Amino acid sequence: MCRSDVLLLDEPTNHLDLDAVIWLQDWLCKYPGTLLLISHDRDFLDTITDHIVHIEQSRAEIYTGNYSAFERMRAENCPSNNPLLKNNSAKLPISRALSPVSRRRPPRPDRRRAG
């Protein structure tokens, strides 16, 4: 078995006791590869992460820092907390507010040849 370059973990702290979580944190901090992690455990995320990818409305934004830093940066950029951002976002045309996923393409014409 070869060493991995990437680990994908979905809720790795679920069903672990405190000692196991601490061991996993220590092991993952030493892991030399890339770690893709999905978790609701904010303390665990604060310890493990140095980048956060936030996905919302078909957009992904990358934040540098742990989860607490991500929350601070996101709160600073939130339109409801910033009157300038709030006023500008209200002026966006509806077509820009739509997600590309929600736009439907017209059906393709039938290109079958007769004969």
PDB file of N, CA and C in Angstrom:
ATOM      1  N   MET A   1       0.841  -1.173   0.000  1.00  0.00           N
ATOM      2  CA  MET A   1       0.000   0.000   0.000  1.00  0.00           C
ATOM      3  C   MET A   1       0.889   1.240   0.000  1.00  0.00           C
ATOM      4  N   CYS A   2       0.543   2.215  -0.831  1.00  0.00           N
ATOM      5  CA  CYS A   2       1.326   3.448  -0.965  1.00  0.00           C
ATOM      6  C   CYS A   2       0.790   4.538  -0.045  1.00  0.00           C
ATOM      7  N   ARG A   3       1.661   5.465   0.288  1.00  0.00           N
ATOM      8  CA  ARG A   3       1.219   6.636   1.041  1.00  0.00           C
ATOM      9  C   ARG A   3       0.314   7.478   0.157  1.00  0.00           C
ATOM     10  N   SER A   4      -0.641   8.147   0.761  1.00  0.00           N
ATOM     11  CA  SER A   4      -1.569   8.975  -0.013  1.00  0.00           C
ATOM     12  C   SER A   4      -1.066  10.410  -0.105  1.00  0.00           C
ATOM     13  N   ASP A   5      -1.466  11.097  -1.178  1.00  0.00           N
ATOM     14  CA  ASP A   5      -1.180  12.520  -1.336  1.00  0.00           C
ATOM     15  C   ASP A   5      -2.368  13.367  -0.894  1.00  0.00           C
ATOM     16  N   VAL A   6      -3.560  12.752  -0.882  1.00  0.00           N
ATOM     17  CA  VAL A   6      -4.793  13.465  -0.551  1.00  0.00           C
ATOM     18  C   VAL A   6      -5.645  12.599   0.375  1.00  0.00           C
ATOM     19  N   LEU A   7      -6.204  13.230   1.399  1.00  0.00           N
ATOM     20  CA  LEU A   7      -7.180  12.563   2.263  1.00  0.00           C
ATOM     21  C   LEU A   7      -8.492  13.317   2.157  1.00  0.00           C
ATOM     22  N   LEU A   8      -9.580  12.600   1.999  1.00  0.00           N
ATOM     23  CA  LEU A   8     -10.911  13.177   2.004  1.00  0.00           C
ATOM     24  C   LEU A   8     -11.646  12.618   3.217  1.00  0.00           C
ATOM     25  N   LEU A   9     -11.965  13.489   4.160  1.00  0.00           N
ATOM     26  CA  LEU A   9     -12.610  13.070   5.404  1.00  0.00           C
ATOM     27  C   LEU A   9     -13.946  13.773   5.560  1.00  0.00           C
ATOM     28  N   ASP A  10     -14.985  13.000   5.791  1.00  0.00           N
ATOM     29  CA  ASP A  10     -16.327  13.534   6.003  1.00  0.00           C
ATOM     30  C   ASP A  10     -16.723  13.271   7.456  1.00  0.00           C
ATOM     31  N   GLU A  11     -16.798  14.339   8.228  1.00  0.00           N
ATOM     32  CA  GLU A  11     -17.163  14.268   9.652  1.00  0.00           C
ATOM     33  C   GLU A  11     -16.299  13.248  10.415  1.00  0.00           C
ATOM     34  N   PRO A  12     -14.981  13.420  10.399  1.00  0.00           N
ATOM     35  CA  PRO A  12     -14.106  12.413  11.015  1.00  0.00           C
ATOM     36  C   PRO A  12     -14.202  12.331  12.532  1.00  0.00           C
ATOM     37  N   THR A  13     -14.735  13.361  13.180  1.00  0.00           N
ATOM     38  CA  THR A  13     -14.798  13.316  14.652  1.00  0.00           C
ATOM     39  C   THR A  13     -16.094  12.716  15.180  1.00  0.00           C
ATOM     40  N   ASN A  14     -17.039  12.440  14.295  1.00  0.00           N
ATOM     41  CA  ASN A  14     -18.281  11.802  14.748  1.00  0.00           C
ATOM     42  C   ASN A  14     -17.956  10.459  15.404  1.00  0.00           C
ATOM     43  N   HIS A  15     -18.563  10.196  16.516  1.00  0.00           N
ATOM     44  CA  HIS A  15     -18.446   8.925  17.240  1.00  0.00           C
ATOM     45  C   HIS A  15     -17.058   8.684  17.835  1.00  0.00           C
ATOM     46  N   LEU A  16     -16.227   9.735  17.930  1.00  0.00           N
ATOM     47  CA  LEU A  16     -14.922   9.585  18.577  1.00  0.00           C
ATOM     48  C   LEU A  16     -14.975  10.200  19.969  1.00  0.00           C
ATOM     49  N   ASP A  17     -14.274   9.572  20.917  1.00  0.00           N
ATOM     50  CA  ASP A  17     -14.177  10.187  22.238  1.00  0.00           C
ATOM     51  C   ASP A  17     -13.079  11.251  22.196  1.00  0.00           C
ATOM     52  N   LEU A  18     -12.926  12.008  23.261  1.00  0.00           N
ATOM     53  CA  LEU A  18     -11.994  13.127  23.293  1.00  0.00           C
ATOM     54  C   LEU A  18     -10.562  12.695  23.010  1.00  0.00           C
ATOM     55  N   ASP A  19     -10.123  11.585  23.592  1.00  0.00           N
ATOM     56  CA  ASP A  19      -8.750  11.109  23.357  1.00  0.00           C
ATOM     57  C   ASP A  19      -8.516  10.785  21.885  1.00  0.00           C
ATOM     58  N   ALA A  20      -9.495  10.176  21.233  1.00  0.00           N
ATOM     59  CA  ALA A  20      -9.357   9.836  19.818  1.00  0.00           C
ATOM     60  C   ALA A  20      -9.339  11.094  18.950  1.00  0.00           C
ATOM     61  N   VAL A  21     -10.145  12.101  19.308  1.00  0.00           N
ATOM     62  CA  VAL A  21     -10.160  13.357  18.550  1.00  0.00           C
ATOM     63  C   VAL A  21      -8.807  14.046  18.658  1.00  0.00           C
ATOM     64  N   ILE A  22      -8.246  14.083  19.846  1.00  0.00           N
ATOM     65  CA  ILE A  22      -6.929  14.711  20.052  1.00  0.00           C
ATOM     66  C   ILE A  22      -5.861  13.967  19.268  1.00  0.00           C
ATOM     67  N   TRP A  23      -5.891  12.640  19.288  1.00  0.00           N
ATOM     68  CA  TRP A  23      -4.928  11.860  18.526  1.00  0.00           C
ATOM     69  C   TRP A  23      -5.069  12.169  17.029  1.00  0.00           C
ATOM     70  N   LEU A  24      -6.313  12.205  16.531  1.00  0.00           N
ATOM     71  CA  LEU A  24      -6.552  12.476  15.109  1.00  0.00           C
ATOM     72  C   LEU A  24      -6.066  13.873  14.731  1.00  0.00           C
ATOM     73  N   GLN A  25      -6.335  14.866  15.572  1.00  0.00           N
ATOM     74  CA  GLN A  25      -5.845  16.226  15.322  1.00  0.00           C
ATOM     75  C   GLN A  25      -4.334  16.246  15.186  1.00  0.00           C
ATOM     76  N   ASP A  26      -3.644  15.618  16.126  1.00  0.00           N
ATOM     77  CA  ASP A  26      -2.183  15.590  16.088  1.00  0.00           C
ATOM     78  C   ASP A  26      -1.681  14.905  14.827  1.00  0.00           C
ATOM     79  N   TRP A  27      -2.297  13.793  14.460  1.00  0.00           N
ATOM     80  CA  TRP A  27      -1.867  13.039  13.280  1.00  0.00           C
ATOM     81  C   TRP A  27      -2.100  13.859  12.011  1.00  0.00           C
ATOM     82  N   LEU A  28      -3.266  14.492  11.904  1.00  0.00           N
ATOM     83  CA  LEU A  28      -3.582  15.274  10.708  1.00  0.00           C
ATOM     84  C   LEU A  28      -2.716  16.523  10.589  1.00  0.00           C
ATOM     85  N   CYS A  29      -2.344  17.129  11.711  1.00  0.00           N
ATOM     86  CA  CYS A  29      -1.451  18.292  11.664  1.00  0.00           C
ATOM     87  C   CYS A  29      -0.082  17.922  11.098  1.00  0.00           C
ATOM     88  N   LYS A  30       0.330  16.673  11.274  1.00  0.00           N
ATOM     89  CA  LYS A  30       1.620  16.202  10.764  1.00  0.00           C
ATOM     90  C   LYS A  30       1.524  15.620   9.356  1.00  0.00           C
ATOM     91  N   TYR A  31       0.294  15.423   8.867  1.00  0.00           N
ATOM     92  CA  TYR A  31       0.094  14.811   7.555  1.00  0.00           C
ATOM     93  C   TYR A  31       0.676  15.719   6.472  1.00  0.00           C
ATOM     94  N   PRO A  32       1.580  15.198   5.624  1.00  0.00           N
ATOM     95  CA  PRO A  32       2.265  16.054   4.647  1.00  0.00           C
ATOM     96  C   PRO A  32       1.461  16.341   3.374  1.00  0.00           C
ATOM     97  N   GLY A  33       0.375  15.645   3.150  1.00  0.00           N
ATOM     98  CA  GLY A  33      -0.387  15.809   1.909  1.00  0.00           C
ATOM     99  C   GLY A  33      -1.502  16.829   2.044  1.00  0.00           C
ATOM    100  N   THR A  34      -2.405  16.779   1.090  1.00  0.00           N
ATOM    101  CA  THR A  34      -3.575  17.660   1.060  1.00  0.00           C
ATOM    102  C   THR A  34      -4.724  16.992   1.794  1.00  0.00           C
ATOM    103  N   LEU A  35      -5.433  17.775   2.579  1.00  0.00           N
ATOM    104  CA  LEU A  35      -6.561  17.272   3.351  1.00  0.00           C
ATOM    105  C   LEU A  35      -7.817  18.018   2.942  1.00  0.00           C
ATOM    106  N   LEU A  36      -8.813  17.293   2.461  1.00  0.00           N
ATOM    107  CA  LEU A  36     -10.134  17.859   2.184  1.00  0.00           C
ATOM    108  C   LEU A  36     -11.040  17.361   3.292  1.00  0.00           C
ATOM    109  N   LEU A  37     -11.605  18.286   4.043  1.00  0.00           N
ATOM    110  CA  LEU A  37     -12.290  17.940   5.281  1.00  0.00           C
ATOM    111  C   LEU A  37     -13.656  18.600   5.346  1.00  0.00           C
ATOM    112  N   ILE A  38     -14.647  17.808   5.679  1.00  0.00           N
ATOM    113  CA  ILE A  38     -16.000  18.317   5.922  1.00  0.00           C
ATOM    114  C   ILE A  38     -16.304  18.018   7.381  1.00  0.00           C
ATOM    115  N   SER A  39     -16.615  19.080   8.154  1.00  0.00           N
ATOM    116  CA  SER A  39     -16.870  18.873   9.573  1.00  0.00           C
ATOM    117  C   SER A  39     -17.707  20.006  10.141  1.00  0.00           C
ATOM    118  N   HIS A  40     -18.496  19.684  11.157  1.00  0.00           N
ATOM    119  CA  HIS A  40     -19.234  20.687  11.903  1.00  0.00           C
ATOM    120  C   HIS A  40     -18.536  20.996  13.232  1.00  0.00           C
ATOM    121  N   ASP A  41     -17.431  20.334  13.507  1.00  0.00           N
ATOM    122  CA  ASP A  41     -16.692  20.517  14.750  1.00  0.00           C
ATOM    123  C   ASP A  41     -15.755  21.721  14.598  1.00  0.00           C
ATOM    124  N   ARG A  42     -16.191  22.869  15.074  1.00  0.00           N
ATOM    125  CA  ARG A  42     -15.446  24.114  14.864  1.00  0.00           C
ATOM    126  C   ARG A  42     -14.087  24.114  15.562  1.00  0.00           C
ATOM    127  N   ASP A  43     -14.011  23.539  16.748  1.00  0.00           N
ATOM    128  CA  ASP A  43     -12.720  23.465  17.439  1.00  0.00           C
ATOM    129  C   ASP A  43     -11.738  22.613  16.646  1.00  0.00           C
ATOM    130  N   PHE A  44     -12.203  21.513  16.120  1.00  0.00           N
ATOM    131  CA  PHE A  44     -11.383  20.632  15.293  1.00  0.00           C
ATOM    132  C   PHE A  44     -10.912  21.378  14.047  1.00  0.00           C
ATOM    133  N   LEU A  45     -11.834  22.096  13.383  1.00  0.00           N
ATOM    134  CA  LEU A  45     -11.477  22.864  12.190  1.00  0.00           C
ATOM    135  C   LEU A  45     -10.455  23.945  12.506  1.00  0.00           C
ATOM    136  N   ASP A  46     -10.617  24.614  13.647  1.00  0.00           N
ATOM    137  CA  ASP A  46      -9.654  25.658  14.032  1.00  0.00           C
ATOM    138  C   ASP A  46      -8.249  25.084  14.178  1.00  0.00           C
ATOM    139  N   THR A  47      -8.148  23.899  14.719  1.00  0.00           N
ATOM    140  CA  THR A  47      -6.846  23.279  14.954  1.00  0.00           C
ATOM    141  C   THR A  47      -6.205  22.764  13.670  1.00  0.00           C
ATOM    142  N   ILE A  48      -7.010  22.216  12.770  1.00  0.00           N
ATOM    143  CA  ILE A  48      -6.499  21.499  11.605  1.00  0.00           C
ATOM    144  C   ILE A  48      -6.278  22.383  10.383  1.00  0.00           C
ATOM    145  N   THR A  49      -7.183  23.320  10.134  1.00  0.00           N
ATOM    146  CA  THR A  49      -7.200  23.997   8.832  1.00  0.00           C
ATOM    147  C   THR A  49      -6.320  25.239   8.771  1.00  0.00           C
ATOM    148  N   ASP A  50      -5.833  25.529   7.556  1.00  0.00           N
ATOM    149  CA  ASP A  50      -5.165  26.797   7.280  1.00  0.00           C
ATOM    150  C   ASP A  50      -5.771  27.476   6.048  1.00  0.00           C
ATOM    151  N   HIS A  51      -6.730  26.815   5.420  1.00  0.00           N
ATOM    152  CA  HIS A  51      -7.516  27.392   4.320  1.00  0.00           C
ATOM    153  C   HIS A  51      -8.948  26.850   4.432  1.00  0.00           C
ATOM    154  N   ILE A  52      -9.904  27.687   4.108  1.00  0.00           N
ATOM    155  CA  ILE A  52     -11.312  27.286   4.095  1.00  0.00           C
ATOM    156  C   ILE A  52     -11.858  27.575   2.700  1.00  0.00           C
ATOM    157  N   VAL A  53     -12.536  26.602   2.118  1.00  0.00           N
ATOM    158  CA  VAL A  53     -13.246  26.818   0.856  1.00  0.00           C
ATOM    159  C   VAL A  53     -14.726  26.866   1.202  1.00  0.00           C
ATOM    160  N   HIS A  54     -15.317  28.031   0.999  1.00  0.00           N
ATOM    161  CA  HIS A  54     -16.734  28.222   1.305  1.00  0.00           C
ATOM    162  C   HIS A  54     -17.505  28.169  -0.003  1.00  0.00           C
ATOM    163  N   ILE A  55     -18.477  27.254  -0.083  1.00  0.00           N
ATOM    164  CA  ILE A  55     -19.271  27.085  -1.289  1.00  0.00           C
ATOM    165  C   ILE A  55     -20.695  27.531  -0.988  1.00  0.00           C
ATOM    166  N   GLU A  56     -21.168  28.510  -1.778  1.00  0.00           N
ATOM    167  CA  GLU A  56     -22.517  29.028  -1.598  1.00  0.00           C
ATOM    168  C   GLU A  56     -23.015  29.554  -2.933  1.00  0.00           C
ATOM    169  N   GLN A  57     -24.224  29.213  -3.286  1.00  0.00           N
ATOM    170  CA  GLN A  57     -24.870  29.655  -4.520  1.00  0.00           C
ATOM    171  C   GLN A  57     -23.973  29.406  -5.742  1.00  0.00           C
ATOM    172  N   SER A  58     -23.470  28.203  -5.834  1.00  0.00           N
ATOM    173  CA  SER A  58     -22.640  27.754  -6.956  1.00  0.00           C
ATOM    174  C   SER A  58     -21.331  28.520  -7.097  1.00  0.00           C
ATOM    175  N   ARG A  59     -20.879  29.146  -6.027  1.00  0.00           N
ATOM    176  CA  ARG A  59     -19.602  29.861  -6.028  1.00  0.00           C
ATOM    177  C   ARG A  59     -18.727  29.314  -4.917  1.00  0.00           C
ATOM    178  N   ALA A  60     -17.446  29.219  -5.196  1.00  0.00           N
ATOM    179  CA  ALA A  60     -16.483  28.795  -4.180  1.00  0.00           C
ATOM    180  C   ALA A  60     -15.514  29.943  -3.915  1.00  0.00           C
ATOM    181  N   GLU A  61     -15.323  30.268  -2.647  1.00  0.00           N
ATOM    182  CA  GLU A  61     -14.360  31.282  -2.245  1.00  0.00           C
ATOM    183  C   GLU A  61     -13.365  30.651  -1.293  1.00  0.00           C
ATOM    184  N   ILE A  62     -12.099  30.982  -1.473  1.00  0.00           N
ATOM    185  CA  ILE A  62     -11.032  30.440  -0.631  1.00  0.00           C
ATOM    186  C   ILE A  62     -10.608  31.511   0.372  1.00  0.00           C
ATOM    187  N   TYR A  63     -10.589  31.131   1.635  1.00  0.00           N
ATOM    188  CA  TYR A  63     -10.163  32.008   2.717  1.00  0.00           C
ATOM    189  C   TYR A  63      -8.909  31.410   3.343  1.00  0.00           C
ATOM    190  N   THR A  64      -7.937  32.257   3.650  1.00  0.00           N
ATOM    191  CA  THR A  64      -6.714  31.814   4.304  1.00  0.00           C
ATOM    192  C   THR A  64      -6.890  31.961   5.811  1.00  0.00           C
ATOM    193  N   GLY A  65      -6.468  30.940   6.531  1.00  0.00           N
ATOM    194  CA  GLY A  65      -6.570  30.955   7.983  1.00  0.00           C
ATOM    195  C   GLY A  65      -7.453  29.830   8.470  1.00  0.00           C
ATOM    196  N   ASN A  66      -7.626  29.759   9.775  1.00  0.00           N
ATOM    197  CA  ASN A  66      -8.457  28.696  10.346  1.00  0.00           C
ATOM    198  C   ASN A  66      -9.936  29.084  10.289  1.00  0.00           C
ATOM    199  N   TYR A  67     -10.781  28.285  10.914  1.00  0.00           N
ATOM    200  CA  TYR A  67     -12.224  28.526  10.819  1.00  0.00           C
ATOM    201  C   TYR A  67     -12.640  29.833  11.487  1.00  0.00           C
ATOM    202  N   SER A  68     -12.023  30.171  12.606  1.00  0.00           N
ATOM    203  CA  SER A  68     -12.359  31.433  13.291  1.00  0.00           C
ATOM    204  C   SER A  68     -12.017  32.636  12.413  1.00  0.00           C
ATOM    205  N   ALA A  69     -10.877  32.582  11.729  1.00  0.00           N
ATOM    206  CA  ALA A  69     -10.490  33.667  10.815  1.00  0.00           C
ATOM    207  C   ALA A  69     -11.481  33.759   9.657  1.00  0.00           C
ATOM    208  N   PHE A  70     -11.912  32.614   9.143  1.00  0.00           N
ATOM    209  CA  PHE A  70     -12.914  32.576   8.078  1.00  0.00           C
ATOM    210  C   PHE A  70     -14.207  33.260   8.524  1.00  0.00           C
ATOM    211  N   GLU A  71     -14.679  32.947   9.723  1.00  0.00           N
ATOM    212  CA  GLU A  71     -15.915  33.553  10.222  1.00  0.00           C
ATOM    213  C   GLU A  71     -15.783  35.072  10.335  1.00  0.00           C
ATOM    214  N   ARG A  72     -14.621  35.554  10.821  1.00  0.00           N
ATOM    215  CA  ARG A  72     -14.405  37.000  10.933  1.00  0.00           C
ATOM    216  C   ARG A  72     -14.409  37.660   9.556  1.00  0.00           C
ATOM    217  N   MET A  73     -13.657  37.080   8.601  1.00  0.00           N
ATOM    218  CA  MET A  73     -13.579  37.659   7.261  1.00  0.00           C
ATOM    219  C   MET A  73     -14.937  37.640   6.570  1.00  0.00           C
ATOM    220  N   ARG A  74     -15.663  36.566   6.731  1.00  0.00           N
ATOM    221  CA  ARG A  74     -16.976  36.454   6.094  1.00  0.00           C
ATOM    222  C   ARG A  74     -17.950  37.465   6.696  1.00  0.00           C
ATOM    223  N   ALA A  75     -17.893  37.671   8.012  1.00  0.00           N
ATOM    224  CA  ALA A  75     -18.766  38.655   8.664  1.00  0.00           C
ATOM    225  C   ALA A  75     -18.443  40.072   8.176  1.00  0.00           C
ATOM    226  N   GLU A  76     -17.158  40.347   7.964  1.00  0.00           N
ATOM    227  CA  GLU A  76     -16.760  41.668   7.471  1.00  0.00           C
ATOM    228  C   GLU A  76     -17.273  41.904   6.054  1.00  0.00           C
ATOM    229  N   ASN A  77     -17.363  40.846   5.246  1.00  0.00           N
ATOM    230  CA  ASN A  77     -17.787  40.971   3.856  1.00  0.00           C
ATOM    231  C   ASN A  77     -19.278  40.758   3.662  1.00  0.00           C
ATOM    232  N   CYS A  78     -20.005  40.504   4.726  1.00  0.00           N
ATOM    233  CA  CYS A  78     -21.440  40.236   4.636  1.00  0.00           C
ATOM    234  C   CYS A  78     -22.198  41.524   4.308  1.00  0.00           C
ATOM    235  N   PRO A  79     -23.048  41.522   3.270  1.00  0.00           N
ATOM    236  CA  PRO A  79     -23.777  42.731   2.893  1.00  0.00           C
ATOM    237  C   PRO A  79     -24.633  43.309   4.018  1.00  0.00           C
ATOM    238  N   SER A  80     -25.188  42.488   4.875  1.00  0.00           N
ATOM    239  CA  SER A  80     -26.033  43.016   5.947  1.00  0.00           C
ATOM    240  C   SER A  80     -25.230  43.771   7.000  1.00  0.00           C
ATOM    241  N   ASN A  81     -23.905  43.530   7.068  1.00  0.00           N
ATOM    242  CA  ASN A  81     -23.061  44.237   8.030  1.00  0.00           C
ATOM    243  C   ASN A  81     -22.377  45.459   7.427  1.00  0.00           C
ATOM    244  N   ASN A  82     -22.426  45.599   6.110  1.00  0.00           N
ATOM    245  CA  ASN A  82     -21.716  46.669   5.442  1.00  0.00           C
ATOM    246  C   ASN A  82     -22.699  47.428   4.543  1.00  0.00           C
ATOM    247  N   PRO A  83     -23.043  48.674   4.893  1.00  0.00           N
ATOM    248  CA  PRO A  83     -24.030  49.416   4.109  1.00  0.00           C
ATOM    249  C   PRO A  83     -23.616  49.601   2.649  1.00  0.00           C
ATOM    250  N   LEU A  84     -22.322  49.764   2.373  1.00  0.00           N
ATOM    251  CA  LEU A  84     -21.884  49.934   0.984  1.00  0.00           C
ATOM    252  C   LEU A  84     -22.126  48.678   0.167  1.00  0.00           C
ATOM    253  N   LEU A  85     -21.802  47.518   0.728  1.00  0.00           N
ATOM    254  CA  LEU A  85     -22.041  46.261   0.022  1.00  0.00           C
ATOM    255  C   LEU A  85     -23.533  45.996  -0.114  1.00  0.00           C
ATOM    256  N   LYS A  86     -24.295  46.344   0.914  1.00  0.00           N
ATOM    257  CA  LYS A  86     -25.739  46.095   0.888  1.00  0.00           C
ATOM    258  C   LYS A  86     -26.403  46.904  -0.225  1.00  0.00           C
ATOM    259  N   ASN A  87     -26.035  48.189  -0.360  1.00  0.00           N
ATOM    260  CA  ASN A  87     -26.623  49.044  -1.394  1.00  0.00           C
ATOM    261  C   ASN A  87     -26.212  48.589  -2.787  1.00  0.00           C
ATOM    262  N   ASN A  88     -24.967  48.192  -2.967  1.00  0.00           N
ATOM    263  CA  ASN A  88     -24.501  47.754  -4.285  1.00  0.00           C
ATOM    264  C   ASN A  88     -25.139  46.443  -4.697  1.00  0.00           C
ATOM    265  N   SER A  89     -25.317  45.516  -3.773  1.00  0.00           N
ATOM    266  CA  SER A  89     -25.887  44.222  -4.134  1.00  0.00           C
ATOM    267  C   SER A  89     -27.347  44.358  -4.533  1.00  0.00           C
ATOM    268  N   ALA A  90     -28.039  45.355  -3.994  1.00  0.00           N
ATOM    269  CA  ALA A  90     -29.444  45.546  -4.344  1.00  0.00           C
ATOM    270  C   ALA A  90     -29.592  46.050  -5.780  1.00  0.00           C
ATOM    271  N   LYS A  91     -28.537  46.631  -6.347  1.00  0.00           N
ATOM    272  CA  LYS A  91     -28.605  47.187  -7.691  1.00  0.00           C
ATOM    273  C   LYS A  91     -28.207  46.194  -8.777  1.00  0.00           C
ATOM    274  N   LEU A  92     -27.821  44.979  -8.399  1.00  0.00           N
ATOM    275  CA  LEU A  92     -27.437  43.989  -9.398  1.00  0.00           C
ATOM    276  C   LEU A  92     -28.640  43.585 -10.232  1.00  0.00           C
ATOM    277  N   PRO A  93     -28.458  43.457 -11.537  1.00  0.00           N
ATOM    278  CA  PRO A  93     -29.577  42.969 -12.345  1.00  0.00           C
ATOM    279  C   PRO A  93     -29.923  41.538 -11.966  1.00  0.00           C
ATOM    280  N   ILE A  94     -31.157  41.167 -12.166  1.00  0.00           N
ATOM    281  CA  ILE A  94     -31.628  39.841 -11.767  1.00  0.00           C
ATOM    282  C   ILE A  94     -30.840  38.742 -12.459  1.00  0.00           C
ATOM    283  N   SER A  95     -30.395  38.964 -13.682  1.00  0.00           N
ATOM    284  CA  SER A  95     -29.655  37.922 -14.396  1.00  0.00           C
ATOM    285  C   SER A  95     -28.320  37.622 -13.720  1.00  0.00           C
ATOM    286  N   ARG A  96     -27.702  38.611 -13.053  1.00  0.00           N
ATOM    287  CA  ARG A  96     -26.449  38.365 -12.347  1.00  0.00           C
ATOM    288  C   ARG A  96     -26.683  37.643 -11.042  1.00  0.00           C
ATOM    289  N   ALA A  97     -27.865  37.790 -10.483  1.00  0.00           N
ATOM    290  CA  ALA A  97     -28.167  37.148  -9.209  1.00  0.00           C
ATOM    291  C   ALA A  97     -28.493  35.670  -9.391  1.00  0.00           C
ATOM    292  N   LEU A  98     -28.843  35.273 -10.604  1.00  0.00           N
ATOM    293  CA  LEU A  98     -29.183  33.876 -10.844  1.00  0.00           C
ATOM    294  C   LEU A  98     -27.933  33.017 -10.894  1.00  0.00           C
ATOM    295  N   SER A  99     -28.030  31.871 -10.367  1.00  0.00           N
ATOM    296  CA  SER A  99     -26.935  30.918 -10.412  1.00  0.00           C
ATOM    297  C   SER A  99     -26.844  30.329 -11.812  1.00  0.00           C
ATOM    298  N   PRO A 100     -25.632  30.087 -12.332  1.00  0.00           N
ATOM    299  CA  PRO A 100     -25.514  29.469 -13.655  1.00  0.00           C
ATOM    300  C   PRO A 100     -26.170  28.096 -13.709  1.00  0.00           C
ATOM    301  N   VAL A 101     -26.240  27.415 -12.583  1.00  0.00           N
ATOM    302  CA  VAL A 101     -26.833  26.082 -12.552  1.00  0.00           C
ATOM    303  C   VAL A 101     -28.333  26.157 -12.814  1.00  0.00           C
ATOM    304  N   SER A 102     -28.961  27.262 -12.384  1.00  0.00           N
ATOM    305  CA  SER A 102     -30.408  27.353 -12.507  1.00  0.00           C
ATOM    306  C   SER A 102     -30.864  27.765 -13.907  1.00  0.00           C
ATOM    307  N   ARG A 103     -29.951  28.234 -14.741  1.00  0.00           N
ATOM    308  CA  ARG A 103     -30.320  28.627 -16.097  1.00  0.00           C
ATOM    309  C   ARG A 103     -30.460  27.388 -16.964  1.00  0.00           C
ATOM    310  N   ARG A 104     -31.523  27.337 -17.709  1.00  0.00           N
ATOM    311  CA  ARG A 104     -31.754  26.181 -18.572  1.00  0.00           C
ATOM    312  C   ARG A 104     -31.386  26.534 -19.998  1.00  0.00           C
ATOM    313  N   ARG A 105     -30.763  25.595 -20.659  1.00  0.00           N
ATOM    314  CA  ARG A 105     -30.434  25.779 -22.069  1.00  0.00           C
ATOM    315  C   ARG A 105     -31.632  25.369 -22.912  1.00  0.00           C
ATOM    316  N   PRO A 106     -31.829  26.059 -24.034  1.00  0.00           N
ATOM    317  CA  PRO A 106     -32.921  25.629 -24.912  1.00  0.00           C
ATOM    318  C   PRO A 106     -32.604  24.259 -25.487  1.00  0.00           C
ATOM    319  N   PRO A 107     -33.610  23.470 -25.812  1.00  0.00           N
ATOM    320  CA  PRO A 107     -33.344  22.138 -26.368  1.00  0.00           C
ATOM    321  C   PRO A 107     -32.627  22.245 -27.708  1.00  0.00           C
ATOM    322  N   ARG A 108     -31.729  21.301 -27.947  1.00  0.00           N
ATOM    323  CA  ARG A 108     -30.999  21.281 -29.208  1.00  0.00           C
ATOM    324  C   ARG A 108     -31.915  20.807 -30.321  1.00  0.00           C
ATOM    325  N   PRO A 109     -31.727  21.378 -31.523  1.00  0.00           N
ATOM    326  CA  PRO A 109     -32.543  20.893 -32.641  1.00  0.00           C
ATOM    327  C   PRO A 109     -32.130  19.476 -32.997  1.00  0.00           C
ATOM    328  N   ASP A 110     -33.066  18.735 -33.512  1.00  0.00           N
ATOM    329  CA  ASP A 110     -32.814  17.349 -33.920  1.00  0.00           C
ATOM    330  C   ASP A 110     -31.919  17.377 -35.146  1.00  0.00           C
ATOM    331  N   ARG A 111     -30.736  16.781 -35.052  1.00  0.00           N
ATOM    332  CA  ARG A 111     -29.770  16.815 -36.145  1.00  0.00           C
ATOM    333  C   ARG A 111     -29.693  15.498 -36.914  1.00  0.00           C
ATOM    334  N   ARG A 112     -30.666  14.650 -36.748  1.00  0.00           N
ATOM    335  CA  ARG A 112     -30.659  13.400 -37.490  1.00  0.00           C
ATOM    336  C   ARG A 112     -30.894  13.658 -38.975  1.00  0.00           C
ATOM    337  N   ARG A 113     -30.205  12.912 -39.763  1.00  0.00           N
ATOM    338  CA  ARG A 113     -30.371  13.046 -41.212  1.00  0.00           C
ATOM    339  C   ARG A 113     -31.505  12.164 -41.686  1.00  0.00           C
ATOM    340  N   ALA A 114     -32.237  12.706 -42.626  1.00  0.00           N
ATOM    341  CA  ALA A 114     -33.320  11.890 -43.232  1.00  0.00           C
ATOM    342  C   ALA A 114     -32.705  10.950 -44.239  1.00  0.00           C
ATOM    343  N   GLY A 115     -33.218   9.777 -44.308  1.00  0.00           N
ATOM    344  CA  GLY A 115     -32.791   8.915 -45.388  1.00  0.00           C
ATOM    345  C   GLY A 115     -32.194   7.710 -44.959  1.00  0.00           C
TER     346      GLY A 115
END
